[in-house]
Protein backbone atom coordinates (compact mmCIF):
# COMPACT_ATOMS: atom_id res chain seq x y z
CA MET A 1 -39.07 33.62 -55.71
CA LYS A 2 -38.76 35.54 -59.06
CA SER A 3 -41.02 34.40 -61.81
CA LEU A 4 -39.52 32.40 -64.80
CA LYS A 5 -42.18 33.61 -67.32
CA GLY A 6 -40.47 34.18 -70.49
CA LYS A 7 -37.55 31.70 -69.80
CA VAL A 8 -37.09 28.78 -72.11
CA ALA A 9 -36.07 25.43 -70.82
CA VAL A 10 -35.26 22.03 -72.09
CA VAL A 11 -35.68 19.23 -69.70
CA THR A 12 -34.50 15.97 -71.17
CA GLY A 13 -36.16 12.37 -70.08
CA ALA A 14 -39.21 14.36 -68.85
CA SER A 15 -41.91 11.86 -69.31
CA ARG A 16 -41.45 10.61 -65.83
CA GLY A 17 -39.50 10.42 -62.76
CA VAL A 18 -37.05 13.33 -61.74
CA GLY A 19 -37.29 14.81 -65.18
CA LYS A 20 -41.10 15.09 -65.07
CA GLY A 21 -40.79 16.67 -61.54
CA ILE A 22 -38.30 19.26 -62.86
CA ALA A 23 -40.40 20.08 -65.61
CA LEU A 24 -43.25 20.68 -63.15
CA GLY A 25 -41.18 22.69 -60.66
CA LEU A 26 -40.06 24.95 -63.43
CA ALA A 27 -43.72 25.16 -64.69
CA GLU A 28 -44.91 26.52 -61.10
CA TYR A 29 -42.92 29.56 -61.94
CA GLY A 30 -44.34 30.02 -65.47
CA ALA A 31 -41.34 28.96 -67.73
CA THR A 32 -41.88 27.52 -71.39
CA ILE A 33 -40.58 23.97 -71.28
CA TYR A 34 -39.58 21.69 -73.96
CA VAL A 35 -40.47 18.11 -72.62
CA THR A 36 -38.21 15.64 -74.22
CA GLY A 37 -38.15 11.74 -74.15
CA ARG A 38 -39.11 8.60 -76.18
CA THR A 39 -42.44 7.73 -74.73
CA GLU A 40 -45.27 8.78 -76.64
CA LYS A 41 -47.69 6.11 -75.62
CA ASP A 42 -48.40 4.26 -72.46
CA ASP A 43 -46.38 1.19 -71.56
CA MET A 44 -48.97 -1.78 -71.90
CA LEU A 45 -46.74 -4.18 -69.84
CA LEU A 46 -45.84 -2.03 -66.73
CA ASP A 47 -48.98 -0.64 -64.96
CA PHE A 48 -46.76 1.70 -62.85
CA LEU A 49 -45.64 3.42 -66.15
CA LYS A 50 -49.15 4.36 -67.32
CA GLY A 51 -49.71 8.09 -68.01
CA THR A 52 -45.91 8.86 -68.12
CA THR A 53 -45.62 10.16 -71.68
CA ILE A 54 -44.01 13.38 -72.96
CA TYR A 55 -47.55 14.63 -73.90
CA GLN A 56 -48.94 14.14 -70.49
CA THR A 57 -46.03 15.89 -68.82
CA ALA A 58 -46.59 18.76 -71.29
CA ASP A 59 -50.25 19.04 -70.39
CA ASP A 60 -49.44 18.94 -66.64
CA VAL A 61 -46.94 21.78 -67.27
CA ASN A 62 -49.82 23.81 -68.96
CA GLN A 63 -52.12 23.17 -66.17
CA MET A 64 -49.47 24.46 -63.57
CA GLY A 65 -49.00 27.72 -65.29
CA GLY A 66 -46.07 27.05 -67.49
CA VAL A 67 -46.14 26.47 -71.42
CA GLY A 68 -45.30 22.68 -72.18
CA ILE A 69 -44.13 21.75 -75.35
CA ALA A 70 -43.62 17.97 -75.96
CA HIS A 71 -40.84 16.86 -78.22
CA LYS A 72 -40.01 13.13 -79.01
CA CYS A 73 -36.49 12.65 -78.92
CA ASP A 74 -34.27 9.71 -78.42
CA HIS A 75 -31.16 11.02 -76.72
CA SER A 76 -28.89 8.20 -77.97
CA LYS A 77 -29.10 9.61 -81.35
CA ASP A 78 -27.24 12.64 -81.93
CA GLU A 79 -29.37 13.84 -84.93
CA ASP A 80 -32.47 13.92 -82.70
CA VAL A 81 -30.69 15.97 -80.30
CA GLU A 82 -29.66 18.38 -83.08
CA ARG A 83 -33.25 18.75 -84.27
CA LEU A 84 -34.43 19.51 -80.71
CA PHE A 85 -32.15 22.37 -80.52
CA GLU A 86 -33.10 23.64 -83.92
CA ARG A 87 -36.55 23.58 -83.13
CA VAL A 88 -35.90 25.55 -79.86
CA MET A 89 -34.25 28.17 -81.67
CA ASN A 90 -36.56 28.34 -84.58
CA GLU A 91 -39.43 28.71 -82.18
CA GLN A 92 -37.95 30.67 -79.31
CA GLY A 93 -34.82 32.30 -80.56
CA LYS A 94 -33.03 31.60 -77.16
CA LEU A 95 -32.44 28.92 -74.56
CA ASP A 96 -32.01 30.02 -70.94
CA ILE A 97 -32.16 26.55 -69.17
CA LEU A 98 -31.01 22.94 -70.11
CA VAL A 99 -31.71 20.08 -67.54
CA ASN A 100 -29.94 16.84 -68.33
CA SER A 101 -32.15 14.21 -66.71
CA ALA A 102 -32.38 11.62 -69.39
CA TRP A 103 -31.10 8.38 -68.21
CA ALA A 104 -31.40 4.73 -69.59
CA GLY A 105 -29.84 2.76 -66.85
CA GLY A 106 -32.88 2.28 -64.91
CA SER A 107 -36.01 0.18 -65.08
CA LYS A 108 -35.06 -2.57 -67.19
CA HIS A 109 -32.03 -3.57 -65.25
CA VAL A 110 -33.93 -3.17 -61.94
CA LEU A 111 -36.71 -5.14 -62.84
CA GLY A 112 -34.27 -7.59 -64.26
CA GLY A 113 -32.60 -8.00 -60.76
CA TYR A 114 -29.13 -6.76 -61.96
CA PHE A 115 -29.14 -3.33 -60.54
CA PHE A 116 -28.89 -3.83 -56.74
CA ASN A 117 -26.59 -6.43 -54.98
CA THR A 118 -25.03 -8.07 -57.96
CA PRO A 119 -21.31 -8.00 -58.55
CA PHE A 120 -20.16 -6.19 -61.55
CA TRP A 121 -18.78 -9.41 -63.05
CA LYS A 122 -22.19 -10.93 -63.18
CA GLN A 123 -23.99 -8.04 -64.46
CA PRO A 124 -24.62 -7.61 -68.41
CA VAL A 125 -22.21 -5.15 -69.98
CA SER A 126 -25.38 -3.51 -71.26
CA LEU A 127 -25.77 -1.90 -67.91
CA TRP A 128 -22.59 -0.08 -68.39
CA ASP A 129 -23.35 0.91 -71.81
CA ASP A 130 -27.01 2.09 -70.94
CA ASN A 131 -25.46 4.27 -68.01
CA PHE A 132 -22.79 5.89 -70.24
CA ASN A 133 -24.75 6.28 -73.49
CA VAL A 134 -27.74 8.14 -72.18
CA GLY A 135 -26.66 9.59 -68.99
CA VAL A 136 -23.13 10.78 -69.85
CA ARG A 137 -22.48 10.80 -73.74
CA SER A 138 -26.01 12.27 -74.07
CA ASN A 139 -25.49 14.91 -71.64
CA TYR A 140 -22.31 16.03 -73.37
CA ILE A 141 -24.04 16.18 -76.76
CA ALA A 142 -26.82 18.40 -75.35
CA ILE A 143 -24.32 20.68 -73.40
CA ARG A 144 -22.52 21.04 -76.87
CA PHE A 145 -25.57 22.22 -78.62
CA ALA A 146 -26.85 24.38 -75.79
CA ALA A 147 -23.27 26.03 -75.44
CA GLU A 148 -23.48 27.07 -79.26
CA ILE A 149 -26.54 29.03 -78.19
CA MET A 150 -25.69 30.14 -74.58
CA THR A 151 -22.20 31.41 -75.50
CA LYS A 152 -23.64 33.74 -78.07
CA GLN A 153 -26.32 34.89 -75.65
CA LYS A 154 -23.62 35.36 -72.96
CA SER A 155 -26.09 33.73 -70.62
CA GLY A 156 -27.61 30.34 -69.47
CA LEU A 157 -27.96 27.69 -66.91
CA ILE A 158 -27.06 23.99 -67.44
CA VAL A 159 -28.04 21.44 -64.63
CA ASN A 160 -27.00 17.79 -64.83
CA ILE A 161 -28.86 15.25 -62.72
CA SER A 162 -26.23 13.27 -60.88
CA PHE A 163 -26.18 11.53 -57.37
CA TYR A 164 -23.75 11.04 -54.67
CA GLY A 165 -23.05 7.49 -56.02
CA GLY A 166 -20.35 9.47 -57.88
CA ARG A 167 -18.56 10.04 -54.64
CA ARG A 168 -18.94 6.83 -52.90
CA TYR A 169 -20.03 3.21 -53.70
CA PHE A 170 -23.80 3.08 -54.36
CA ASN A 171 -25.65 0.22 -56.09
CA ASN A 172 -23.20 -0.85 -58.65
CA VAL A 173 -19.91 -0.04 -60.34
CA SER A 174 -21.17 1.10 -63.60
CA TYR A 175 -23.67 3.48 -61.90
CA GLY A 176 -21.09 5.16 -59.64
CA VAL A 177 -18.63 5.49 -62.49
CA SER A 178 -21.18 6.95 -64.65
CA LYS A 179 -22.35 9.60 -62.02
CA ALA A 180 -18.64 10.56 -61.29
CA ALA A 181 -18.26 11.03 -65.11
CA VAL A 182 -21.56 13.43 -65.10
CA ASP A 183 -19.84 15.53 -62.14
CA LYS A 184 -16.44 15.63 -63.97
CA LEU A 185 -18.48 16.73 -67.13
CA SER A 186 -20.06 19.67 -64.97
CA ALA A 187 -16.81 20.93 -63.58
CA ASP A 188 -15.07 21.00 -66.83
CA THR A 189 -17.63 22.47 -68.96
CA ALA A 190 -18.40 25.11 -66.17
CA TYR A 191 -14.66 25.97 -66.32
CA GLU A 192 -14.92 26.86 -70.07
CA LEU A 193 -18.27 28.28 -70.06
CA LYS A 194 -17.80 30.62 -67.05
CA GLU A 195 -16.43 33.59 -69.15
CA TYR A 196 -19.52 33.55 -71.19
CA GLY A 197 -21.87 33.86 -68.40
CA VAL A 198 -23.17 30.31 -68.54
CA ALA A 199 -23.16 28.32 -65.32
CA VAL A 200 -23.04 24.50 -65.03
CA PHE A 201 -24.01 22.50 -61.97
CA SER A 202 -24.38 18.89 -60.83
CA LEU A 203 -27.51 18.46 -58.84
CA TYR A 204 -27.87 15.56 -56.53
CA PRO A 205 -31.39 14.64 -55.58
CA GLY A 206 -32.04 12.39 -52.49
CA SER A 207 -34.34 9.54 -52.49
CA VAL A 208 -36.99 10.61 -54.78
CA ARG A 209 -40.58 9.37 -54.83
CA THR A 210 -40.61 8.33 -58.58
CA GLU A 211 -42.70 5.94 -60.04
CA GLY A 212 -40.21 3.50 -60.25
CA MET A 213 -39.31 3.61 -56.71
CA ALA A 214 -42.95 3.50 -55.54
CA GLU A 215 -43.00 0.11 -57.34
CA VAL A 216 -39.84 -1.28 -55.83
CA ALA A 217 -41.19 -0.12 -52.34
CA LYS A 218 -44.13 -2.60 -52.77
CA TYR A 219 -41.78 -5.26 -52.69
CA ASP A 220 -38.97 -4.07 -50.65
CA HIS A 221 -40.65 -2.99 -47.10
CA SER A 222 -37.35 -1.47 -46.08
CA LEU A 223 -38.21 1.38 -48.35
CA ASN A 224 -40.74 4.26 -46.81
CA ILE A 225 -41.90 5.92 -49.89
CA ASN A 226 -43.52 8.72 -47.66
CA ASP A 227 -40.22 9.54 -46.38
CA MET A 228 -38.85 10.36 -49.89
CA GLU A 229 -38.62 13.84 -51.66
CA SER A 230 -41.19 14.61 -54.52
CA PRO A 231 -39.87 14.88 -57.81
CA GLN A 232 -41.23 18.42 -58.13
CA PHE A 233 -39.02 19.51 -55.23
CA VAL A 234 -36.05 18.70 -57.54
CA GLY A 235 -37.67 21.15 -59.99
CA ARG A 236 -38.16 23.73 -57.42
CA CYS A 237 -34.35 23.33 -56.62
CA VAL A 238 -33.50 24.02 -60.49
CA ALA A 239 -35.94 26.79 -60.62
CA ALA A 240 -34.31 28.57 -57.79
CA LEU A 241 -30.82 28.28 -59.77
CA GLY A 242 -32.67 29.59 -62.76
CA LYS A 243 -34.05 32.69 -61.31
């Protein structure tokens, strides 16, 4: 596959999980990657999240042949996101790829027992808010800033990480509705950006061997972690779109 050397990418939520895998997949082909997220230090309470920081991902990107640049960003805060894109333009002068992978509907609700097999009327409203604030709204804000850059360039790729829970029931109500919203966001922004040479996709990973899934599999023996795809495989799919 064609090298991505010289291409500039932003991958949100890249300290761990699918986001980290995407950063590493792009790194294999030599891209320059801004690794964003909130995690700067190891989680002292959850052993399975040790080593999952933006700095560790950036180091791993460098070791794999890319250029990793860690940037702390809370994607629930518009001013943080604006500063991110200002930095990219100040340092690189362009943006070729944006991958929206940041998602706040995960670990605390899974570990709290709310995510699976709990009817929506017994779930905390915060599950809905988390899915939509960082996962839908955050995607929209990042796309908005990226579009200002890419429309002037007449080129660019935007990938929103979604899942087939947006097409059929999966896990819980708020999760499925948020993924359907991500897909509609991809479709409608793609429609408006097409004439500028900017492509927008929703990408559906399968079952992914993330740190969180590996932890859940310790207690749910119906899950076979060895049958799941690696996070880096998702990154290779993004790399193929961005070539």
